[in-house]
Amino acid sequence: MASTDLIAKVRFLARKNGLNPDDYTDMKILRRERDALREGKTRAEFAQELLNEVQINTFGLSKCPNCGGMTLIHEDGCKHCKSCGWSACG
């Protein structure tokens, strides 16, 4: 079961970033966690994915095509990954 700390943090970030709060109710988060666990993900993986989802608007990050992390950022006219160093500009 998702911790109350995780749920509170997700709700706070969702509100802060202008996301629809109805998408982040206790029941919806718990249902999504259950589905993730059925797909073979760990609770930690689910928590990280959920946090990445609600933080994306804050930092302008998206998914890196190289490592799959939610650490791709557009700076200085080029997309590059903060995790693995991949760059669209070579």
C-alpha atoms as a PDB file:
ATOM      1  CA  MET A   1       0.000   0.000   0.000  1.00  0.00           C
ATOM      2  CA  ALA A   2       1.321   3.429  -0.931  1.00  0.00           C
ATOM      3  CA  SER A   3       2.517   5.333   2.108  1.00  0.00           C
ATOM      4  CA  THR A   4       0.600   8.323   3.346  1.00  0.00           C
ATOM      5  CA  ASP A   5       3.807  10.375   2.885  1.00  0.00           C
ATOM      6  CA  LEU A   6       3.951   9.424  -0.805  1.00  0.00           C
ATOM      7  CA  ILE A   7       0.277  10.220  -1.334  1.00  0.00           C
ATOM      8  CA  ALA A   8       0.628  13.590   0.418  1.00  0.00           C
ATOM      9  CA  LYS A   9       3.720  14.486  -1.617  1.00  0.00           C
ATOM     10  CA  VAL A  10       2.063  13.477  -4.890  1.00  0.00           C
ATOM     11  CA  ARG A  11      -1.030  15.539  -4.086  1.00  0.00           C
ATOM     12  CA  PHE A  12       1.059  18.560  -3.119  1.00  0.00           C
ATOM     13  CA  LEU A  13       3.147  18.404  -6.315  1.00  0.00           C
ATOM     14  CA  ALA A  14       0.081  17.811  -8.478  1.00  0.00           C
ATOM     15  CA  ARG A  15      -1.659  20.886  -7.058  1.00  0.00           C
ATOM     16  CA  LYS A  16       1.512  22.970  -7.276  1.00  0.00           C
ATOM     17  CA  ASN A  17       1.974  22.053 -10.935  1.00  0.00           C
ATOM     18  CA  GLY A  18      -1.616  22.646 -11.967  1.00  0.00           C
ATOM     19  CA  LEU A  19      -2.498  18.991 -12.529  1.00  0.00           C
ATOM     20  CA  ASN A  20      -6.053  17.777 -12.053  1.00  0.00           C
ATOM     21  CA  PRO A  21      -6.360  16.826  -8.362  1.00  0.00           C
ATOM     22  CA  ASP A  22      -9.124  14.347  -9.223  1.00  0.00           C
ATOM     23  CA  ASP A  23      -6.439  12.215 -10.922  1.00  0.00           C
ATOM     24  CA  TYR A  24      -4.566  11.863  -7.621  1.00  0.00           C
ATOM     25  CA  THR A  25      -7.147  10.757  -5.070  1.00  0.00           C
ATOM     26  CA  ASP A  26      -6.269   8.040  -2.542  1.00  0.00           C
ATOM     27  CA  MET A  27      -8.323   5.482  -4.433  1.00  0.00           C
ATOM     28  CA  LYS A  28      -6.811   6.292  -7.831  1.00  0.00           C
ATOM     29  CA  ILE A  29      -3.256   6.201  -6.497  1.00  0.00           C
ATOM     30  CA  LEU A  30      -3.876   2.898  -4.727  1.00  0.00           C
ATOM     31  CA  ARG A  31      -5.525   1.432  -7.833  1.00  0.00           C
ATOM     32  CA  ARG A  32      -2.571   2.511  -9.964  1.00  0.00           C
ATOM     33  CA  GLU A  33      -0.166   1.000  -7.433  1.00  0.00           C
ATOM     34  CA  ARG A  34      -2.070  -2.284  -7.476  1.00  0.00           C
ATOM     35  CA  ASP A  35      -1.944  -2.346 -11.283  1.00  0.00           C
ATOM     36  CA  ALA A  36       1.795  -1.569 -11.287  1.00  0.00           C
ATOM     37  CA  LEU A  37       2.467  -4.395  -8.835  1.00  0.00           C
ATOM     38  CA  ARG A  38       0.475  -6.787 -11.030  1.00  0.00           C
ATOM     39  CA  GLU A  39       2.687  -5.725 -13.954  1.00  0.00           C
ATOM     40  CA  GLY A  40       5.739  -6.780 -11.934  1.00  0.00           C
ATOM     41  CA  LYS A  41       6.948  -3.377 -10.793  1.00  0.00           C
ATOM     42  CA  THR A  42       8.199  -2.857  -7.267  1.00  0.00           C
ATOM     43  CA  ARG A  43       6.616  -0.353  -4.904  1.00  0.00           C
ATOM     44  CA  ALA A  44       9.761   1.783  -5.211  1.00  0.00           C
ATOM     45  CA  GLU A  45       9.524   1.782  -9.011  1.00  0.00           C
ATOM     46  CA  PHE A  46       5.867   2.742  -8.849  1.00  0.00           C
ATOM     47  CA  ALA A  47       6.583   5.535  -6.367  1.00  0.00           C
ATOM     48  CA  GLN A  48       9.386   6.932  -8.540  1.00  0.00           C
ATOM     49  CA  GLU A  49       7.241   6.839 -11.682  1.00  0.00           C
ATOM     50  CA  LEU A  50       4.393   8.586  -9.903  1.00  0.00           C
ATOM     51  CA  LEU A  51       6.668  11.276  -8.509  1.00  0.00           C
ATOM     52  CA  ASN A  52       8.249  11.776 -11.943  1.00  0.00           C
ATOM     53  CA  GLU A  53       4.782  12.209 -13.411  1.00  0.00           C
ATOM     54  CA  VAL A  54       3.756  14.994 -11.053  1.00  0.00           C
ATOM     55  CA  GLN A  55       7.148  16.713 -11.107  1.00  0.00           C
ATOM     56  CA  ILE A  56       7.428  16.887 -14.885  1.00  0.00           C
ATOM     57  CA  ASN A  57       5.684  20.267 -15.108  1.00  0.00           C
ATOM     58  CA  THR A  58       7.953  21.805 -12.477  1.00  0.00           C
ATOM     59  CA  PHE A  59      11.215  21.081 -14.197  1.00  0.00           C
ATOM     60  CA  GLY A  60      10.148  20.699 -17.832  1.00  0.00           C
ATOM     61  CA  LEU A  61      11.536  17.169 -17.919  1.00  0.00           C
ATOM     62  CA  SER A  62      10.509  14.373 -20.221  1.00  0.00           C
ATOM     63  CA  LYS A  63      11.535  10.773 -20.876  1.00  0.00           C
ATOM     64  CA  CYS A  64      15.032  10.152 -22.246  1.00  0.00           C
ATOM     65  CA  PRO A  65      15.078   7.950 -25.374  1.00  0.00           C
ATOM     66  CA  ASN A  66      18.415   6.466 -24.307  1.00  0.00           C
ATOM     67  CA  CYS A  67      18.065   5.543 -20.619  1.00  0.00           C
ATOM     68  CA  GLY A  68      14.288   5.917 -20.155  1.00  0.00           C
ATOM     69  CA  GLY A  69      14.679   8.235 -17.166  1.00  0.00           C
ATOM     70  CA  MET A  70      12.434  11.247 -16.720  1.00  0.00           C
ATOM     71  CA  THR A  71      15.506  13.471 -16.925  1.00  0.00           C
ATOM     72  CA  LEU A  72      15.448  14.843 -20.470  1.00  0.00           C
ATOM     73  CA  ILE A  73      15.546  18.632 -20.539  1.00  0.00           C
ATOM     74  CA  HIS A  74      15.618  21.234 -23.302  1.00  0.00           C
ATOM     75  CA  GLU A  75      18.357  23.800 -22.719  1.00  0.00           C
ATOM     76  CA  ASP A  76      20.373  26.025 -25.029  1.00  0.00           C
ATOM     77  CA  GLY A  77      18.383  24.858 -28.050  1.00  0.00           C
ATOM     78  CA  CYS A  78      19.142  21.179 -27.516  1.00  0.00           C
ATOM     79  CA  LYS A  79      17.590  18.259 -25.668  1.00  0.00           C
ATOM     80  CA  HIS A  80      19.920  16.407 -23.326  1.00  0.00           C
ATOM     81  CA  CYS A  81      19.593  13.914 -20.485  1.00  0.00           C
ATOM     82  CA  LYS A  82      20.635  14.908 -16.982  1.00  0.00           C
ATOM     83  CA  SER A  83      21.136  11.227 -16.033  1.00  0.00           C
ATOM     84  CA  CYS A  84      23.028   9.528 -18.847  1.00  0.00           C
ATOM     85  CA  GLY A  85      24.347  12.497 -20.809  1.00  0.00           C
ATOM     86  CA  TRP A  86      22.554  11.622 -24.063  1.00  0.00           C
ATOM     87  CA  SER A  87      22.133  14.623 -26.372  1.00  0.00           C
ATOM     88  CA  ALA A  88      19.978  15.169 -29.432  1.00  0.00           C
ATOM     89  CA  CYS A  89      22.645  17.514 -30.759  1.00  0.00           C
ATOM     90  CA  GLY A  90      25.417  14.934 -30.738  1.00  0.00           C
END
